[in-house]
Amino acid sequence: MKRHLLPALPIVLFCFCAPAGRGLTERSPYRLDPERNLIAGIPARNPDGTINAVIEIPAGTREKWEVVESGTYIEWEKLNGGRRVIDYLGYPGNYGLIPRTRSGDGDALDVIVLGSPLTRGAVTPVRVIGVLMMIDSGEQDDKIVALARDGAFPQVRTLADLEKRYPGVTSILATWFRHYKGEDGVEVSGFEGRERALEIIDRSITAYRGAAEP
């Protein structure tokens, strides 16, 4: 099913805009410049066992922003001469990347942080609880599922905890990612637990280090 570009309207249920994170400068309505590199300048792991997530798209919004490959700024993606807006419901969580990682599609590893909307450009420590296994356009495109360290769901430690306390959340995530691109080849094979997610993160950190070596 062919998707069309939608106008960049605010999502009233969540917020009228997603302000820039601390240390970011708004160069234009389409670009944010950080004080540090958002990929190379931030560690993937923290001493307390949490993972750092760089937020590109706040929960509930549809504007498709991303950190560029160099990590030097965040931009609102271009599409067909305009700016890309997801032709579906807003993102079901805060979407972003784990710095200093390299995933199967060559980009930084994706992460979705459940809970209230976070600020675009924010770097937040998160607790990993699982991974949504996906293939997009023939490439492995897994989504790490995480919770903000000091945010919602303090008693949730695993995907089983999440499903027990908040039934249907995993189904919402799987349904959203299966359909948000229409019929453009996204295959969702299901969830795996925290240990598998951490294995994927470790492998992605190793891949990043290998790619960064001269």
Protein backbone atom coordinates (compact mmCIF):
# COMPACT_ATOMS: atom_id res chain seq x y z
CA MET A 1 0.00 0.00 0.00
CA LYS A 2 1.50 3.30 -1.04
CA ARG A 3 1.95 5.89 1.70
CA HIS A 4 1.72 9.60 1.15
CA LEU A 5 3.32 12.51 2.91
CA LEU A 6 1.10 14.04 5.56
CA PRO A 7 1.26 17.62 6.81
CA ALA A 8 3.31 18.18 9.94
CA LEU A 9 0.47 18.67 12.40
CA PRO A 10 1.00 18.56 16.19
CA ILE A 11 -0.27 15.62 18.23
CA VAL A 12 -2.65 17.32 20.63
CA LEU A 13 -3.08 14.35 22.95
CA PHE A 14 0.55 14.48 23.95
CA CYS A 15 2.11 17.85 23.28
CA PHE A 16 2.07 20.68 20.78
CA CYS A 17 5.78 20.38 20.14
CA ALA A 18 8.84 18.42 21.22
CA PRO A 19 11.43 20.88 22.52
CA ALA A 20 15.14 20.36 22.06
CA GLY A 21 17.08 18.52 24.75
CA ARG A 22 19.62 20.16 27.02
CA GLY A 23 22.72 21.24 25.17
CA LEU A 24 21.02 21.36 21.76
CA THR A 25 20.63 24.44 19.59
CA GLU A 26 17.77 24.79 17.13
CA ARG A 27 19.46 25.90 13.93
CA SER A 28 16.20 25.71 11.95
CA PRO A 29 12.76 24.09 12.33
CA TYR A 30 14.32 21.02 10.71
CA ARG A 31 17.63 20.62 12.55
CA LEU A 32 19.05 20.50 16.09
CA ASP A 33 22.78 20.84 16.81
CA PRO A 34 24.19 19.22 19.97
CA GLU A 35 27.17 20.29 22.04
CA ARG A 36 28.62 16.76 21.70
CA ASN A 37 28.49 14.01 19.14
CA LEU A 38 25.32 11.99 19.77
CA ILE A 39 26.88 8.73 18.61
CA ALA A 40 30.64 8.84 19.20
CA GLY A 41 30.49 11.24 22.15
CA ILE A 42 28.26 9.16 24.46
CA PRO A 43 28.97 5.70 25.91
CA ALA A 44 26.55 2.87 25.19
CA ARG A 45 26.69 1.52 28.75
CA ASN A 46 26.71 3.16 32.18
CA PRO A 47 28.48 1.84 35.32
CA ASP A 48 25.10 1.05 36.96
CA GLY A 49 24.19 -1.39 34.18
CA THR A 50 21.82 0.93 32.31
CA ILE A 51 22.09 1.76 28.62
CA ASN A 52 22.08 5.27 27.20
CA ALA A 53 19.31 6.13 24.74
CA VAL A 54 19.38 9.20 22.50
CA ILE A 55 15.77 10.27 21.87
CA GLU A 56 14.99 11.16 18.26
CA ILE A 57 11.18 10.91 18.27
CA PRO A 58 9.13 11.61 21.43
CA ALA A 59 6.24 9.27 22.23
CA GLY A 60 2.99 10.17 20.51
CA THR A 61 4.54 12.21 17.71
CA ARG A 62 4.78 11.35 14.01
CA GLU A 63 7.53 13.62 12.68
CA LYS A 64 10.39 11.35 11.56
CA TRP A 65 13.58 12.82 12.99
CA GLU A 66 16.93 11.03 13.16
CA VAL A 67 20.51 11.52 14.25
CA VAL A 68 22.63 11.68 11.09
CA GLU A 69 25.24 8.97 10.58
CA SER A 70 28.08 11.23 11.70
CA GLY A 71 26.26 11.93 14.98
CA THR A 72 26.80 15.66 14.65
CA TYR A 73 23.15 16.75 14.52
CA ILE A 74 19.49 15.63 14.46
CA GLU A 75 17.36 16.41 11.44
CA TRP A 76 13.77 16.05 10.33
CA GLU A 77 14.01 13.60 7.44
CA LYS A 78 13.27 14.76 3.92
CA LEU A 79 10.78 12.89 1.75
CA ASN A 80 9.61 13.69 -1.79
CA GLY A 81 10.56 17.34 -1.45
CA GLY A 82 8.91 17.72 1.95
CA ARG A 83 9.47 16.48 5.48
CA ARG A 84 8.60 12.94 6.52
CA VAL A 85 5.61 12.32 8.76
CA ILE A 86 4.57 8.77 9.65
CA ASP A 87 1.21 7.95 8.04
CA TYR A 88 -0.08 6.08 11.08
CA LEU A 89 -0.73 6.64 14.78
CA GLY A 90 2.01 8.38 16.76
CA TYR A 91 4.97 6.39 18.05
CA PRO A 92 3.92 4.14 20.97
CA GLY A 93 7.06 5.04 22.92
CA ASN A 94 10.08 7.31 22.73
CA TYR A 95 12.14 6.20 19.76
CA GLY A 96 15.85 6.64 19.36
CA LEU A 97 19.24 4.97 19.23
CA ILE A 98 21.91 3.50 21.46
CA PRO A 99 25.18 5.39 20.87
CA ARG A 100 28.40 3.64 19.87
CA THR A 101 26.55 0.69 18.39
CA ARG A 102 26.23 -0.69 14.87
CA SER A 103 23.27 -2.92 13.99
CA GLY A 104 22.52 -5.29 11.12
CA ASP A 105 21.39 -2.49 8.81
CA GLY A 106 24.61 -0.53 9.38
CA ASP A 107 23.00 2.15 11.58
CA ALA A 108 23.10 2.58 15.34
CA LEU A 109 20.91 0.10 17.24
CA ASP A 110 17.30 1.27 17.63
CA VAL A 111 15.59 1.53 21.00
CA ILE A 112 12.03 2.30 22.08
CA VAL A 113 11.65 3.70 25.60
CA LEU A 114 8.19 3.17 27.05
CA GLY A 115 6.51 5.83 29.19
CA SER A 116 5.74 9.54 29.06
CA PRO A 117 7.08 11.64 26.18
CA LEU A 118 10.74 12.58 26.52
CA THR A 119 12.48 15.55 24.96
CA ARG A 120 13.89 15.24 21.46
CA GLY A 121 17.67 15.14 21.72
CA ALA A 122 17.66 14.00 25.34
CA VAL A 123 20.17 11.38 26.44
CA THR A 124 18.54 9.19 29.07
CA PRO A 125 19.72 6.09 30.97
CA VAL A 126 17.32 3.20 30.39
CA ARG A 127 16.70 -0.31 31.73
CA VAL A 128 16.57 -2.93 29.01
CA ILE A 129 13.72 -5.46 29.32
CA GLY A 130 13.67 -7.16 25.91
CA VAL A 131 13.83 -6.85 22.15
CA LEU A 132 11.33 -6.85 19.30
CA MET A 133 12.82 -8.92 16.47
CA MET A 134 12.20 -7.36 13.05
CA ILE A 135 13.30 -7.48 9.44
CA ASP A 136 12.83 -4.35 7.37
CA SER A 137 13.42 -4.44 3.60
CA GLY A 138 15.39 -7.67 3.98
CA GLU A 139 17.70 -6.39 6.75
CA GLN A 140 17.70 -7.22 10.45
CA ASP A 141 16.22 -4.19 12.22
CA ASP A 142 15.64 -5.17 15.86
CA LYS A 143 14.16 -2.71 18.37
CA ILE A 144 15.48 -2.83 21.92
CA VAL A 145 12.61 -2.36 24.41
CA ALA A 146 13.52 -0.32 27.47
CA LEU A 147 12.21 1.78 30.34
CA ALA A 148 13.62 5.06 31.59
CA ARG A 149 15.72 4.39 34.70
CA ASP A 150 13.85 6.95 36.79
CA GLY A 151 10.59 6.98 34.87
CA ALA A 152 7.41 4.93 34.64
CA PHE A 153 7.00 1.25 35.49
CA PRO A 154 9.56 1.06 38.36
CA GLN A 155 8.51 -2.50 39.26
CA VAL A 156 8.87 -3.89 35.72
CA ARG A 157 12.09 -5.81 35.11
CA THR A 158 11.15 -8.14 32.25
CA LEU A 159 8.74 -8.41 29.34
CA ALA A 160 6.76 -10.90 31.42
CA ASP A 161 6.42 -8.29 34.18
CA LEU A 162 5.27 -5.73 31.62
CA GLU A 163 2.63 -8.02 30.17
CA LYS A 164 1.39 -9.09 33.60
CA ARG A 165 1.05 -5.58 35.00
CA TYR A 166 0.07 -3.83 31.76
CA PRO A 167 -1.66 -6.42 29.54
CA GLY A 168 -1.60 -5.72 25.83
CA VAL A 169 1.43 -3.41 25.70
CA THR A 170 3.60 -5.89 23.81
CA SER A 171 0.76 -6.52 21.36
CA ILE A 172 0.46 -2.77 20.78
CA LEU A 173 4.19 -2.52 20.03
CA ALA A 174 4.19 -5.48 17.64
CA THR A 175 1.07 -4.24 15.83
CA TRP A 176 2.42 -0.71 15.47
CA PHE A 177 5.76 -1.72 14.03
CA ARG A 178 4.16 -4.28 11.73
CA HIS A 179 1.90 -1.65 10.13
CA TYR A 180 3.47 1.80 10.45
CA LYS A 181 5.05 1.55 6.99
CA GLY A 182 1.97 0.06 5.41
CA GLU A 183 2.83 -2.96 3.25
CA ASP A 184 6.45 -1.99 2.68
CA GLY A 185 8.14 -5.17 3.85
CA VAL A 186 8.35 -4.94 7.65
CA GLU A 187 8.37 -8.41 9.19
CA VAL A 188 7.85 -8.74 12.94
CA SER A 189 8.82 -12.17 14.27
CA GLY A 190 8.13 -11.55 17.97
CA PHE A 191 9.79 -10.64 21.24
CA GLU A 192 12.76 -12.08 23.06
CA GLY A 193 13.82 -11.38 26.63
CA ARG A 194 16.37 -9.22 28.38
CA GLU A 195 19.30 -11.62 27.99
CA ARG A 196 18.84 -11.80 24.24
CA ALA A 197 18.53 -8.01 24.08
CA LEU A 198 21.79 -7.57 25.99
CA GLU A 199 23.52 -10.03 23.64
CA ILE A 200 22.38 -7.94 20.66
CA ILE A 201 23.62 -4.76 22.35
CA ASP A 202 27.02 -6.34 23.11
CA ARG A 203 27.35 -7.54 19.51
CA SER A 204 26.41 -4.08 18.22
CA ILE A 205 28.99 -2.40 20.47
CA THR A 206 31.64 -4.78 19.17
CA ALA A 207 30.59 -4.09 15.57
CA TYR A 208 30.84 -0.33 16.16
CA ARG A 209 34.31 -0.67 17.61
CA GLY A 210 35.41 -2.78 14.66
CA ALA A 211 34.04 -0.26 12.18
CA ALA A 212 35.73 2.63 14.03
CA GLU A 213 39.18 1.02 13.95
CA PRO A 214 41.48 2.29 11.20
